[in-house]
Amino acid sequence: MPTEFSRRLFIGGSGALLAQGLFAKGVTRTAALPGRSAVSLIKGGDRRKNAHDALEAIDDQIRPVLRRKKYVVIKPNNVSTVNPLAATNADAIQGILDYLEMRFKGPVIIAEASAGETMEGFENFHYDRVAAERRSQHISLIDLNQEARYETMPLVDYDIHPVPVRLAARLLDPDAFVICSAMLKTHNTVVATLSVKNMVLGAPLHSAPKETPRWNDKRRYHAGIRQTHYNMFLTAQKLRPFWGAALIDGYEGMEGNGPSSGTPVPSRVAIASTDYIAADRVGVEAMGIDAKWIGYLNFCSQFGVGQFDLDKIEVRGEKVATVRRKYRLHQDIERELQWMGPMTDLPPKLG
């Protein structure tokens, strides 16, 4: 797979972005999703059972789509390949597999494009043991960076110029039912990271080990505080048609200097939904975070990527108020919130 973009791909991708009218003044937004989204909220003393029960509580939402798919992709969060608190726990994956066991007979892939060495993380967090233990479910482990299959889309850089990014093709496969296995964590740039952040920043690829020259498309997202939120929203729009279900493991969340250097919070919950935006809204509420602070989720809501209005989310199981714990935010939270301010470094009006 080539590591350089062709001029045709670059121009075509940039044109697609401009054609959406996202840079235009007075852009017409798509309508919010009609009706209500279902989100399960389970609290209990067993991480694996919580994950299973959260998915089972929305079985009526999952199964009609699952039965049409050829295989399942479980996308964990491995922002770190060495810190267990920062990564999807193997018991959360076991809970997902428990749910699938009697409902899906096709192959299951655990796939990630970690910022580090993906297979190292899989071994450190014992995903390889899970696969070996559950051979009847035909589980395989894939490093999306090494697989090196991708589709391109445009982002914006710090100067608001379009730049191309490579996204893992397997997360854009209509034959796959994609399950996001995320966590409740605070974040050092975008306030909080849950299911949408896990998918959006897990999709961009970087060069495989030993490949030269080295490259990393994940870095293209870190192009400024407001640009990061906008780029995440664009990528969520791209990925949304291929999302199956989100499972957010909050058995032990992370507060403070997340997403990799924070401290544990024993929230003891699991959240699941086929609407990743709605799942994240319930997760943000469970963390005691002001939902207005998270730009990428608000942009997704405004453009109909998912339901972010609590009044239009059917919470199954626990009431949010009974599980809410106020997470301590990252030490840079005041700087993070500057995405909400006006642009002052460019002329406000010309002509």
Protein backbone atom coordinates (compact mmCIF):
# COMPACT_ATOMS: atom_id res chain seq x y z
CA MET A 1 0.00 0.00 0.00
CA PRO A 2 1.50 3.37 -0.95
CA THR A 3 2.51 5.76 1.79
CA GLU A 4 2.31 8.85 -0.42
CA PHE A 5 -0.91 10.50 -1.58
CA SER A 6 -1.53 10.98 -5.25
CA ARG A 7 -2.32 14.49 -6.44
CA ARG A 8 -5.69 13.22 -7.69
CA LEU A 9 -6.64 11.83 -4.26
CA PHE A 10 -5.59 15.03 -2.50
CA ILE A 11 -7.51 17.34 -4.82
CA GLY A 12 -10.50 15.04 -4.91
CA GLY A 13 -10.65 14.79 -1.13
CA SER A 14 -10.28 18.53 -0.65
CA GLY A 15 -12.97 19.18 -3.22
CA ALA A 16 -15.32 16.81 -1.41
CA LEU A 17 -14.89 18.79 1.78
CA LEU A 18 -15.50 22.10 0.08
CA ALA A 19 -18.49 20.64 -1.74
CA GLN A 20 -20.08 19.86 1.63
CA GLY A 21 -20.22 23.60 2.24
CA LEU A 22 -18.64 23.23 5.64
CA PHE A 23 -16.48 26.30 5.14
CA ALA A 24 -19.28 28.40 3.68
CA LYS A 25 -21.06 31.16 5.56
CA GLY A 26 -24.68 30.31 6.29
CA VAL A 27 -24.20 26.54 5.85
CA THR A 28 -27.41 24.53 5.90
CA ARG A 29 -27.28 21.87 8.61
CA THR A 30 -28.91 18.49 8.36
CA ALA A 31 -31.80 17.89 10.72
CA ALA A 32 -31.23 16.22 14.07
CA LEU A 33 -31.98 12.53 14.18
CA PRO A 34 -35.73 11.98 14.61
CA GLY A 35 -37.11 10.14 17.62
CA ARG A 36 -35.23 8.81 20.59
CA SER A 37 -32.00 6.88 20.98
CA ALA A 38 -31.73 4.00 23.45
CA VAL A 39 -28.76 3.87 25.83
CA SER A 40 -28.27 1.24 28.52
CA LEU A 41 -26.64 2.17 31.82
CA ILE A 42 -25.64 -0.78 34.01
CA LYS A 43 -24.03 -0.63 37.44
CA GLY A 44 -22.52 -3.66 39.14
CA GLY A 45 -19.53 -5.27 40.80
CA ASP A 46 -18.34 -7.38 37.84
CA ARG A 47 -16.79 -5.63 34.81
CA ARG A 48 -17.38 -8.55 32.43
CA LYS A 49 -21.01 -8.99 33.45
CA ASN A 50 -21.63 -5.24 33.23
CA ALA A 51 -20.39 -5.21 29.62
CA HIS A 52 -22.55 -8.19 28.68
CA ASP A 53 -25.64 -6.83 30.41
CA ALA A 54 -25.26 -3.38 28.85
CA LEU A 55 -25.30 -4.89 25.35
CA GLU A 56 -28.11 -7.30 26.22
CA ALA A 57 -30.24 -4.35 27.37
CA ILE A 58 -30.17 -2.93 23.82
CA ASP A 59 -30.36 -6.30 22.06
CA ASP A 60 -33.45 -5.16 20.16
CA GLN A 61 -31.35 -2.36 18.63
CA ILE A 62 -28.32 -4.50 17.80
CA ARG A 63 -29.64 -7.80 16.50
CA PRO A 64 -31.53 -6.63 13.38
CA VAL A 65 -28.30 -5.08 12.04
CA LEU A 66 -25.91 -7.73 13.37
CA ARG A 67 -27.67 -10.54 11.51
CA ARG A 68 -26.91 -8.84 8.17
CA LYS A 69 -23.15 -8.59 8.76
CA LYS A 70 -20.41 -11.02 7.73
CA TYR A 71 -18.05 -10.38 10.62
CA VAL A 72 -17.61 -8.32 13.79
CA VAL A 73 -14.82 -5.86 14.52
CA ILE A 74 -14.14 -5.02 18.17
CA LYS A 75 -12.18 -1.77 18.31
CA PRO A 76 -10.50 -1.37 21.73
CA ASN A 77 -8.83 1.74 23.12
CA ASN A 78 -5.06 1.25 23.27
CA VAL A 79 -3.86 4.85 23.50
CA SER A 80 -1.16 3.31 25.67
CA THR A 81 0.29 -0.14 25.09
CA VAL A 82 1.80 -0.42 28.58
CA ASN A 83 -0.61 1.25 31.07
CA PRO A 84 -3.60 -1.04 31.83
CA LEU A 85 -5.66 1.81 33.30
CA ALA A 86 -5.47 3.68 29.97
CA ALA A 87 -6.52 0.71 27.82
CA THR A 88 -9.60 -1.44 27.23
CA ASN A 89 -9.62 -4.21 29.82
CA ALA A 90 -9.68 -7.81 28.59
CA ASP A 91 -12.73 -8.49 30.79
CA ALA A 92 -14.71 -5.83 28.89
CA ILE A 93 -13.85 -7.67 25.67
CA GLN A 94 -14.86 -10.94 27.32
CA GLY A 95 -18.24 -9.39 28.16
CA ILE A 96 -18.72 -8.35 24.53
CA LEU A 97 -17.84 -11.86 23.39
CA ASP A 98 -20.24 -13.34 25.95
CA TYR A 99 -23.00 -11.27 24.36
CA LEU A 100 -22.03 -12.31 20.82
CA GLU A 101 -21.54 -15.99 21.59
CA MET A 102 -25.18 -17.07 21.20
CA ARG A 103 -26.10 -14.40 18.65
CA PHE A 104 -23.38 -14.36 15.99
CA LYS A 105 -21.59 -17.29 14.37
CA GLY A 106 -19.25 -15.41 12.04
CA PRO A 107 -15.63 -14.46 12.70
CA VAL A 108 -14.69 -11.76 15.22
CA ILE A 109 -11.70 -9.46 14.77
CA ILE A 110 -10.08 -7.41 17.53
CA ALA A 111 -8.51 -4.55 15.56
CA GLU A 112 -6.61 -1.45 16.60
CA ALA A 113 -4.23 1.15 15.17
CA SER A 114 -2.49 2.09 18.38
CA ALA A 115 -0.28 5.14 18.57
CA GLY A 116 2.45 2.69 19.64
CA GLU A 117 3.09 -0.95 18.74
CA THR A 118 -0.39 -2.45 18.50
CA MET A 119 0.54 -6.11 18.94
CA GLU A 120 2.65 -5.24 21.97
CA GLY A 121 -0.46 -3.77 23.59
CA PHE A 122 -2.55 -6.80 22.66
CA GLU A 123 -0.02 -9.02 24.43
CA ASN A 124 0.41 -6.75 27.46
CA PHE A 125 -3.35 -6.51 28.01
CA HIS A 126 -3.91 -10.25 27.35
CA TYR A 127 -6.11 -9.98 24.27
CA ASP A 128 -4.07 -12.84 22.81
CA ARG A 129 -5.16 -15.02 25.75
CA VAL A 130 -8.80 -14.08 25.13
CA ALA A 131 -8.49 -15.15 21.49
CA ALA A 132 -6.84 -18.44 22.45
CA GLU A 133 -9.46 -19.16 25.09
CA ARG A 134 -12.40 -18.56 22.73
CA ARG A 135 -11.35 -20.41 19.59
CA SER A 136 -14.95 -21.39 18.81
CA GLN A 137 -15.69 -17.73 18.06
CA HIS A 138 -12.96 -17.56 15.39
CA ILE A 139 -11.19 -14.56 16.92
CA SER A 140 -8.23 -12.94 15.23
CA LEU A 141 -6.05 -9.98 16.21
CA ILE A 142 -5.20 -7.33 13.63
CA ASP A 143 -2.86 -4.37 13.73
CA LEU A 144 -4.53 -1.92 11.35
CA ASN A 145 -1.23 -0.09 10.85
CA GLN A 146 0.41 -3.27 9.57
CA GLU A 147 -2.64 -4.24 7.52
CA ALA A 148 -2.12 -0.89 5.75
CA ARG A 149 -5.48 -0.75 3.96
CA TYR A 150 -6.97 2.72 4.00
CA GLU A 151 -9.35 5.28 2.58
CA THR A 152 -8.54 8.98 2.48
CA MET A 153 -10.50 12.02 3.61
CA PRO A 154 -9.64 15.70 4.14
CA LEU A 155 -8.99 17.46 7.44
CA VAL A 156 -7.87 21.03 8.09
CA ASP A 157 -4.46 22.06 9.40
CA TYR A 158 -3.68 24.91 11.79
CA ASP A 159 -4.00 27.43 8.95
CA ILE A 160 -7.40 25.97 7.92
CA HIS A 161 -5.89 24.48 4.76
CA PRO A 162 -7.17 21.04 3.71
CA VAL A 163 -4.83 18.12 4.34
CA PRO A 164 -5.43 14.41 3.61
CA VAL A 165 -5.55 11.68 6.23
CA ARG A 166 -5.52 7.88 5.87
CA LEU A 167 -8.26 5.98 7.76
CA ALA A 168 -8.24 2.22 8.34
CA ALA A 169 -10.40 0.68 5.61
CA ARG A 170 -11.64 -2.10 7.87
CA LEU A 171 -13.52 0.47 9.97
CA LEU A 172 -15.30 1.57 6.78
CA ASP A 173 -16.32 -1.91 5.64
CA PRO A 174 -20.10 -2.31 5.14
CA ASP A 175 -19.76 -6.06 5.82
CA ALA A 176 -18.44 -5.43 9.35
CA PHE A 177 -20.43 -4.82 12.52
CA VAL A 178 -18.11 -2.46 14.40
CA ILE A 179 -18.25 -2.54 18.18
CA CYS A 180 -16.37 0.26 19.90
CA SER A 181 -14.95 -0.95 23.22
CA ALA A 182 -14.23 2.38 24.90
CA MET A 183 -13.70 3.78 28.40
CA LEU A 184 -14.61 6.74 30.59
CA LYS A 185 -11.53 8.99 30.60
CA THR A 186 -10.67 12.64 30.83
CA HIS A 187 -8.48 14.06 28.06
CA ASN A 188 -5.62 16.50 27.62
CA THR A 189 -7.05 18.24 24.54
CA VAL A 190 -10.81 17.64 24.12
CA VAL A 191 -11.96 17.38 27.78
CA ALA A 192 -13.20 13.77 27.66
CA THR A 193 -12.66 10.65 25.56
CA LEU A 194 -15.35 7.99 25.24
CA SER A 195 -16.65 6.02 22.23
CA VAL A 196 -16.48 8.67 19.48
CA LYS A 197 -12.95 9.72 20.36
CA ASN A 198 -11.86 6.07 20.45
CA MET A 199 -13.15 5.49 16.92
CA VAL A 200 -12.03 8.78 15.42
CA LEU A 201 -8.44 8.74 16.68
CA GLY A 202 -8.17 4.98 16.35
CA ALA A 203 -8.94 5.11 12.63
CA PRO A 204 -5.96 7.19 11.36
CA LEU A 205 -2.91 5.07 10.55
CA HIS A 206 0.80 5.45 11.05
CA SER A 207 3.70 3.63 9.46
CA ALA A 208 4.12 -0.01 10.38
CA PRO A 209 7.13 -1.05 12.46
CA LYS A 210 10.35 -1.02 10.43
CA GLU A 211 8.67 0.90 7.59
CA THR A 212 10.58 3.87 6.20
CA PRO A 213 10.11 6.72 5.84
CA ARG A 214 8.16 7.10 9.07
CA TRP A 215 4.78 8.83 9.00
CA ASN A 216 1.86 9.29 11.41
CA ASP A 217 -1.54 10.60 10.34
CA LYS A 218 -2.81 10.73 13.93
CA ARG A 219 -0.66 13.84 14.35
CA ARG A 220 -2.71 15.64 11.71
CA TYR A 221 -5.57 15.86 14.23
CA HIS A 222 -3.47 17.84 16.71
CA ALA A 223 -3.51 21.01 14.63
CA GLY A 224 -4.80 23.49 17.21
CA ILE A 225 -7.47 23.37 19.90
CA ARG A 226 -10.47 24.28 17.75
CA GLN A 227 -9.15 22.46 14.67
CA THR A 228 -8.90 19.21 16.63
CA HIS A 229 -12.61 19.30 17.54
CA TYR A 230 -13.55 20.12 13.97
CA ASN A 231 -11.38 17.37 12.49
CA MET A 232 -12.83 14.84 14.91
CA PHE A 233 -16.33 15.86 13.88
CA LEU A 234 -15.48 15.46 10.18
CA THR A 235 -14.09 11.99 10.82
CA ALA A 236 -17.10 10.97 12.88
CA GLN A 237 -19.31 11.98 9.95
CA LYS A 238 -17.24 9.75 7.68
CA LEU A 239 -17.27 6.74 10.02
CA ARG A 240 -20.86 6.99 11.29
CA PRO A 241 -22.55 4.82 8.60
CA PHE A 242 -20.30 1.91 9.61
CA TRP A 243 -20.78 2.04 13.39
CA GLY A 244 -22.54 -0.92 15.00
CA ALA A 245 -22.61 -0.49 18.78
CA ALA A 246 -20.64 1.35 21.46
CA LEU A 247 -19.73 -0.29 24.75
CA ILE A 248 -18.21 2.15 27.24
CA ASP A 249 -16.56 0.43 30.18
CA GLY A 250 -16.68 2.68 33.22
CA TYR A 251 -15.97 -0.02 35.78
CA GLU A 252 -12.76 1.87 36.51
CA GLY A 253 -12.61 5.22 34.77
CA MET A 254 -9.72 7.69 34.57
CA GLU A 255 -9.74 11.25 35.91
CA GLY A 256 -7.14 14.00 35.97
CA ASN A 257 -4.42 13.90 33.35
CA GLY A 258 -6.02 11.49 30.91
CA PRO A 259 -6.04 9.86 28.48
CA SER A 260 -2.95 7.96 29.62
CA SER A 261 -1.58 9.48 32.85
CA GLY A 262 -4.64 9.95 35.04
CA THR A 263 -5.81 8.19 38.19
CA PRO A 264 -8.59 5.60 38.66
CA VAL A 265 -12.23 6.30 39.51
CA PRO A 266 -14.37 3.32 40.63
CA SER A 267 -17.54 4.25 38.73
CA ARG A 268 -18.51 0.55 38.28
CA VAL A 269 -20.74 1.17 35.26
CA ALA A 270 -21.09 0.11 31.64
CA ILE A 271 -22.90 2.07 28.91
CA ALA A 272 -24.05 0.79 25.53
CA SER A 273 -25.89 2.14 22.51
CA THR A 274 -26.05 1.85 18.74
CA ASP A 275 -25.90 5.67 18.77
CA TYR A 276 -22.34 6.54 19.77
CA ILE A 277 -23.19 10.22 20.33
CA ALA A 278 -26.00 9.32 22.72
CA ALA A 279 -23.76 6.82 24.54
CA ASP A 280 -21.14 9.53 25.01
CA ARG A 281 -23.74 12.01 26.30
CA VAL A 282 -24.75 9.56 29.00
CA GLY A 283 -21.07 8.92 29.71
CA VAL A 284 -20.31 12.63 30.04
CA GLU A 285 -23.22 12.99 32.46
CA ALA A 286 -21.94 10.04 34.50
CA MET A 287 -18.56 11.83 34.74
CA GLY A 288 -20.18 15.08 35.92
CA ILE A 289 -18.81 17.05 32.95
CA ASP A 290 -20.62 19.98 31.34
CA ALA A 291 -21.67 18.63 27.93
CA LYS A 292 -21.29 22.08 26.31
CA TRP A 293 -17.53 21.86 26.85
CA ILE A 294 -16.98 18.99 24.42
CA GLY A 295 -16.85 20.57 21.00
CA TYR A 296 -16.65 17.51 18.76
CA LEU A 297 -19.74 15.94 20.32
CA ASN A 298 -21.71 19.19 20.01
CA PHE A 299 -20.70 19.48 16.33
CA CYS A 300 -21.80 15.87 15.76
CA SER A 301 -25.15 16.67 17.35
CA GLN A 302 -25.67 19.83 15.28
CA PHE A 303 -25.09 17.95 12.03
CA GLY A 304 -27.23 14.91 12.83
CA VAL A 305 -24.46 12.37 13.45
CA GLY A 306 -26.24 11.26 16.62
CA GLN A 307 -28.55 12.26 19.45
CA PHE A 308 -27.04 14.52 22.13
CA ASP A 309 -30.27 15.81 23.70
CA LEU A 310 -30.87 14.03 27.02
CA ASP A 311 -34.61 14.57 26.64
CA LYS A 312 -34.48 12.40 23.51
CA ILE A 313 -32.36 9.60 24.98
CA GLU A 314 -34.10 6.62 26.54
CA VAL A 315 -31.83 5.44 29.36
CA ARG A 316 -32.39 1.78 30.18
CA GLY A 317 -31.26 0.55 33.59
CA GLU A 318 -29.82 2.88 36.19
CA LYS A 319 -30.76 6.54 36.38
CA VAL A 320 -27.87 8.82 35.47
CA ALA A 321 -28.21 10.75 38.73
CA THR A 322 -27.60 7.60 40.79
CA VAL A 323 -24.23 6.83 39.15
CA ARG A 324 -22.86 10.35 38.60
CA ARG A 325 -19.39 11.00 40.02
CA LYS A 326 -17.67 14.29 39.33
CA TYR A 327 -14.37 13.47 37.61
CA ARG A 328 -11.40 15.73 38.21
CA LEU A 329 -10.47 17.21 34.83
CA HIS A 330 -7.07 17.62 33.19
CA GLN A 331 -4.79 20.31 34.64
CA ASP A 332 -4.96 22.17 31.29
CA ILE A 333 -8.78 22.36 31.25
CA GLU A 334 -8.88 26.17 31.03
CA ARG A 335 -6.72 26.10 27.90
CA GLU A 336 -8.77 23.24 26.46
CA LEU A 337 -11.93 25.32 26.66
CA GLN A 338 -10.45 28.05 24.48
CA TRP A 339 -11.91 26.24 21.45
CA MET A 340 -15.18 27.97 22.39
CA GLY A 341 -13.85 31.50 21.90
CA PRO A 342 -13.84 33.66 18.76
CA MET A 343 -11.08 33.60 16.16
CA THR A 344 -8.89 36.66 16.68
CA ASP A 345 -5.85 35.80 14.58
CA LEU A 346 -7.48 36.31 11.16
CA PRO A 347 -9.37 39.28 9.65
CA PRO A 348 -13.03 38.97 10.75
CA LYS A 349 -14.41 40.42 7.54
CA LEU A 350 -13.12 41.36 4.07
CA GLY A 351 -14.80 42.87 1.04
